[in-house]
C-alpha atoms as a PDB file:
ATOM      1  CA  MET A   1      47.325  67.457  67.888  1.00  0.00           C
ATOM      2  CA  GLY A   2      49.580  70.424  65.662  1.00  0.00           C
ATOM      3  CA  GLN A   3      50.383  74.120  66.307  1.00  0.00           C
ATOM      4  CA  LEU A   4      49.719  77.302  64.991  1.00  0.00           C
ATOM      5  CA  ILE A   5      52.553  79.406  65.864  1.00  0.00           C
ATOM      6  CA  TYR A   6      52.043  83.122  65.225  1.00  0.00           C
ATOM      7  CA  GLY A   7      53.986  86.239  65.828  1.00  0.00           C
ATOM      8  CA  PRO A   8      56.853  87.570  67.136  1.00  0.00           C
ATOM      9  CA  GLY A   9      57.209  85.855  70.740  1.00  0.00           C
ATOM     10  CA  SER A  10      55.614  82.981  68.898  1.00  0.00           C
ATOM     11  CA  SER A  11      52.385  82.003  70.825  1.00  0.00           C
ATOM     12  CA  GLU A  12      51.966  78.552  70.299  1.00  0.00           C
ATOM     13  CA  ILE A  13      48.286  77.408  69.786  1.00  0.00           C
ATOM     14  CA  GLU A  14      47.404  73.752  70.103  1.00  0.00           C
ATOM     15  CA  MET A  15      44.815  71.813  67.664  1.00  0.00           C
ATOM     16  CA  ASP A  16      44.195  68.610  65.928  1.00  0.00           C
ATOM     17  CA  ASP A  17      45.929  68.236  62.842  1.00  0.00           C
ATOM     18  CA  ARG A  18      42.716  68.285  60.965  1.00  0.00           C
ATOM     19  CA  LEU A  19      41.939  71.401  62.201  1.00  0.00           C
ATOM     20  CA  LEU A  20      44.732  72.747  61.848  1.00  0.00           C
ATOM     21  CA  ALA A  21      44.628  71.839  58.131  1.00  0.00           C
ATOM     22  CA  HIS A  22      41.636  73.158  57.153  1.00  0.00           C
ATOM     23  CA  LEU A  23      42.863  76.905  58.887  1.00  0.00           C
ATOM     24  CA  ARG A  24      45.972  76.665  56.857  1.00  0.00           C
ATOM     25  CA  ILE A  25      44.230  76.699  53.848  1.00  0.00           C
ATOM     26  CA  VAL A  26      41.940  79.372  54.723  1.00  0.00           C
ATOM     27  CA  MET A  27      44.701  81.981  56.409  1.00  0.00           C
ATOM     28  CA  LEU A  28      47.273  81.190  53.657  1.00  0.00           C
ATOM     29  CA  THR A  29      44.656  82.133  50.991  1.00  0.00           C
ATOM     30  CA  LYS A  30      43.876  85.222  53.011  1.00  0.00           C
ATOM     31  CA  MET A  31      47.545  86.289  53.532  1.00  0.00           C
ATOM     32  CA  ARG A  32      48.296  85.505  49.659  1.00  0.00           C
ATOM     33  CA  ASN A  33      45.674  88.509  49.020  1.00  0.00           C
ATOM     34  CA  HIS A  34      46.987  90.666  51.201  1.00  0.00           C
ATOM     35  CA  GLU A  35      43.636  90.505  53.269  1.00  0.00           C
ATOM     36  CA  PRO A  36      44.087  90.963  57.274  1.00  0.00           C
ATOM     37  CA  PHE A  37      41.286  89.241  59.263  1.00  0.00           C
ATOM     38  CA  SER A  38      40.819  88.168  63.008  1.00  0.00           C
ATOM     39  CA  LEU A  39      40.877  84.314  64.208  1.00  0.00           C
ATOM     40  CA  SER A  40      38.622  83.663  67.195  1.00  0.00           C
ATOM     41  CA  TRP A  41      38.300  80.589  69.269  1.00  0.00           C
ATOM     42  CA  ARG A  42      36.731  79.384  72.701  1.00  0.00           C
ATOM     43  CA  VAL A  43      39.031  78.325  75.302  1.00  0.00           C
ATOM     44  CA  ASP A  44      38.561  74.995  77.101  1.00  0.00           C
ATOM     45  CA  PRO A  45      37.624  75.514  80.549  1.00  0.00           C
ATOM     46  CA  SER A  46      40.498  73.282  81.623  1.00  0.00           C
ATOM     47  CA  GLN A  47      42.203  76.402  80.254  1.00  0.00           C
ATOM     48  CA  GLY A  48      40.158  79.162  82.339  1.00  0.00           C
ATOM     49  CA  SER A  49      37.178  79.504  79.714  1.00  0.00           C
ATOM     50  CA  GLY A  50      36.723  82.484  77.559  1.00  0.00           C
ATOM     51  CA  ARG A  51      37.492  83.741  74.226  1.00  0.00           C
ATOM     52  CA  GLU A  52      40.555  84.467  72.275  1.00  0.00           C
ATOM     53  CA  THR A  53      41.514  86.422  69.319  1.00  0.00           C
ATOM     54  CA  LEU A  54      44.242  86.752  67.327  1.00  0.00           C
ATOM     55  CA  TRP A  55      44.945  90.008  64.211  1.00  0.00           C
ATOM     56  CA  VAL A  56      46.340  88.298  61.293  1.00  0.00           C
ATOM     57  CA  HIS A  57      48.315  90.113  59.363  1.00  0.00           C
ATOM     58  CA  PRO A  58      50.169  89.045  55.989  1.00  0.00           C
ATOM     59  CA  SER A  59      53.132  91.186  57.641  1.00  0.00           C
ATOM     60  CA  ILE A  60      53.314  88.788  60.844  1.00  0.00           C
ATOM     61  CA  ALA A  61      55.329  85.342  60.734  1.00  0.00           C
ATOM     62  CA  LEU A  62      53.367  82.295  60.912  1.00  0.00           C
ATOM     63  CA  ARG A  63      53.756  78.713  60.916  1.00  0.00           C
ATOM     64  CA  PHE A  64      52.060  75.541  61.037  1.00  0.00           C
ATOM     65  CA  ARG A  65      53.258  72.427  62.758  1.00  0.00           C
ATOM     66  CA  PHE A  66      52.075  69.151  62.069  1.00  0.00           C
ATOM     67  CA  TYR A  67      52.354  66.031  64.125  1.00  0.00           C
ATOM     68  CA  GLY A  68      50.866  63.973  61.796  1.00  0.00           C
ATOM     69  CA  SER A  69      52.704  62.243  59.176  1.00  0.00           C
ATOM     70  CA  ARG A  70      49.892  62.334  56.526  1.00  0.00           C
ATOM     71  CA  PRO A  71      47.285  65.096  55.572  1.00  0.00           C
ATOM     72  CA  PRO A  72      43.969  65.178  56.102  1.00  0.00           C
ATOM     73  CA  VAL A  73      41.063  64.841  53.300  1.00  0.00           C
ATOM     74  CA  ILE A  74      39.695  68.540  53.503  1.00  0.00           C
ATOM     75  CA  ASN A  75      36.055  68.753  54.010  1.00  0.00           C
ATOM     76  CA  ARG A  76      34.632  70.766  51.472  1.00  0.00           C
ATOM     77  CA  ALA A  77      32.044  72.001  53.430  1.00  0.00           C
ATOM     78  CA  TRP A  78      34.024  73.273  56.833  1.00  0.00           C
ATOM     79  CA  LEU A  79      36.215  75.111  54.130  1.00  0.00           C
ATOM     80  CA  GLU A  80      33.321  77.048  52.978  1.00  0.00           C
ATOM     81  CA  LEU A  81      31.868  78.164  56.260  1.00  0.00           C
ATOM     82  CA  MET A  82      35.710  79.123  57.127  1.00  0.00           C
ATOM     83  CA  VAL A  83      35.999  80.807  54.252  1.00  0.00           C
ATOM     84  CA  GLU A  84      32.521  83.023  54.484  1.00  0.00           C
ATOM     85  CA  ALA A  85      33.529  83.840  57.970  1.00  0.00           C
ATOM     86  CA  ALA A  86      37.106  84.830  57.088  1.00  0.00           C
ATOM     87  CA  ASN A  87      35.358  87.380  54.381  1.00  0.00           C
ATOM     88  CA  ARG A  88      33.447  88.870  56.876  1.00  0.00           C
ATOM     89  CA  GLY A  89      36.558  89.532  58.816  1.00  0.00           C
ATOM     90  CA  ASP A  90      36.557  87.115  61.758  1.00  0.00           C
ATOM     91  CA  LEU A  91      37.588  83.394  60.980  1.00  0.00           C
ATOM     92  CA  ARG A  92      36.093  81.266  63.825  1.00  0.00           C
ATOM     93  CA  ILE A  93      37.306  77.755  64.929  1.00  0.00           C
ATOM     94  CA  MET A  94      33.994  76.128  64.134  1.00  0.00           C
ATOM     95  CA  PRO A  95      32.940  72.754  64.791  1.00  0.00           C
ATOM     96  CA  GLU A  96      33.441  70.346  61.555  1.00  0.00           C
ATOM     97  CA  PRO A  97      29.989  69.791  59.646  1.00  0.00           C
ATOM     98  CA  GLY A  98      29.168  66.075  59.634  1.00  0.00           C
ATOM     99  CA  ALA A  99      28.311  63.992  56.389  1.00  0.00           C
ATOM    100  CA  ALA A 100      24.888  65.825  56.579  1.00  0.00           C
ATOM    101  CA  GLY A 101      25.685  69.158  57.617  1.00  0.00           C
ATOM    102  CA  GLU A 102      24.008  68.502  60.570  1.00  0.00           C
ATOM    103  CA  LEU A 103      26.937  70.345  62.979  1.00  0.00           C
ATOM    104  CA  LEU A 104      26.616  73.560  61.118  1.00  0.00           C
ATOM    105  CA  PRO A 105      27.820  76.561  63.338  1.00  0.00           C
ATOM    106  CA  ASP A 106      25.227  79.467  63.744  1.00  0.00           C
ATOM    107  CA  ARG A 107      26.641  82.469  61.178  1.00  0.00           C
END
């Protein structure tokens, strides 16, 4: 498990290192280009259900904390899906497509 740490007061969002590595690539690319966007995800039922959204802006502090010692292999298809969503303005935490792409999220 890793953490996305964002903004003043440091909101800490726990997630799998593999997911975090993919989000890091997309988020840093958008921020490098000075492109604000939202990041949305579903809240686990153990934490009350629902959905959450952050407004991500290059002027707000962002930190990625990985607990694993080795970086994961990047899934190009997953990265492309995330980039498409971010380019529409709402980067969503989505399931990773399998080798044959069978878990593609609705667009």
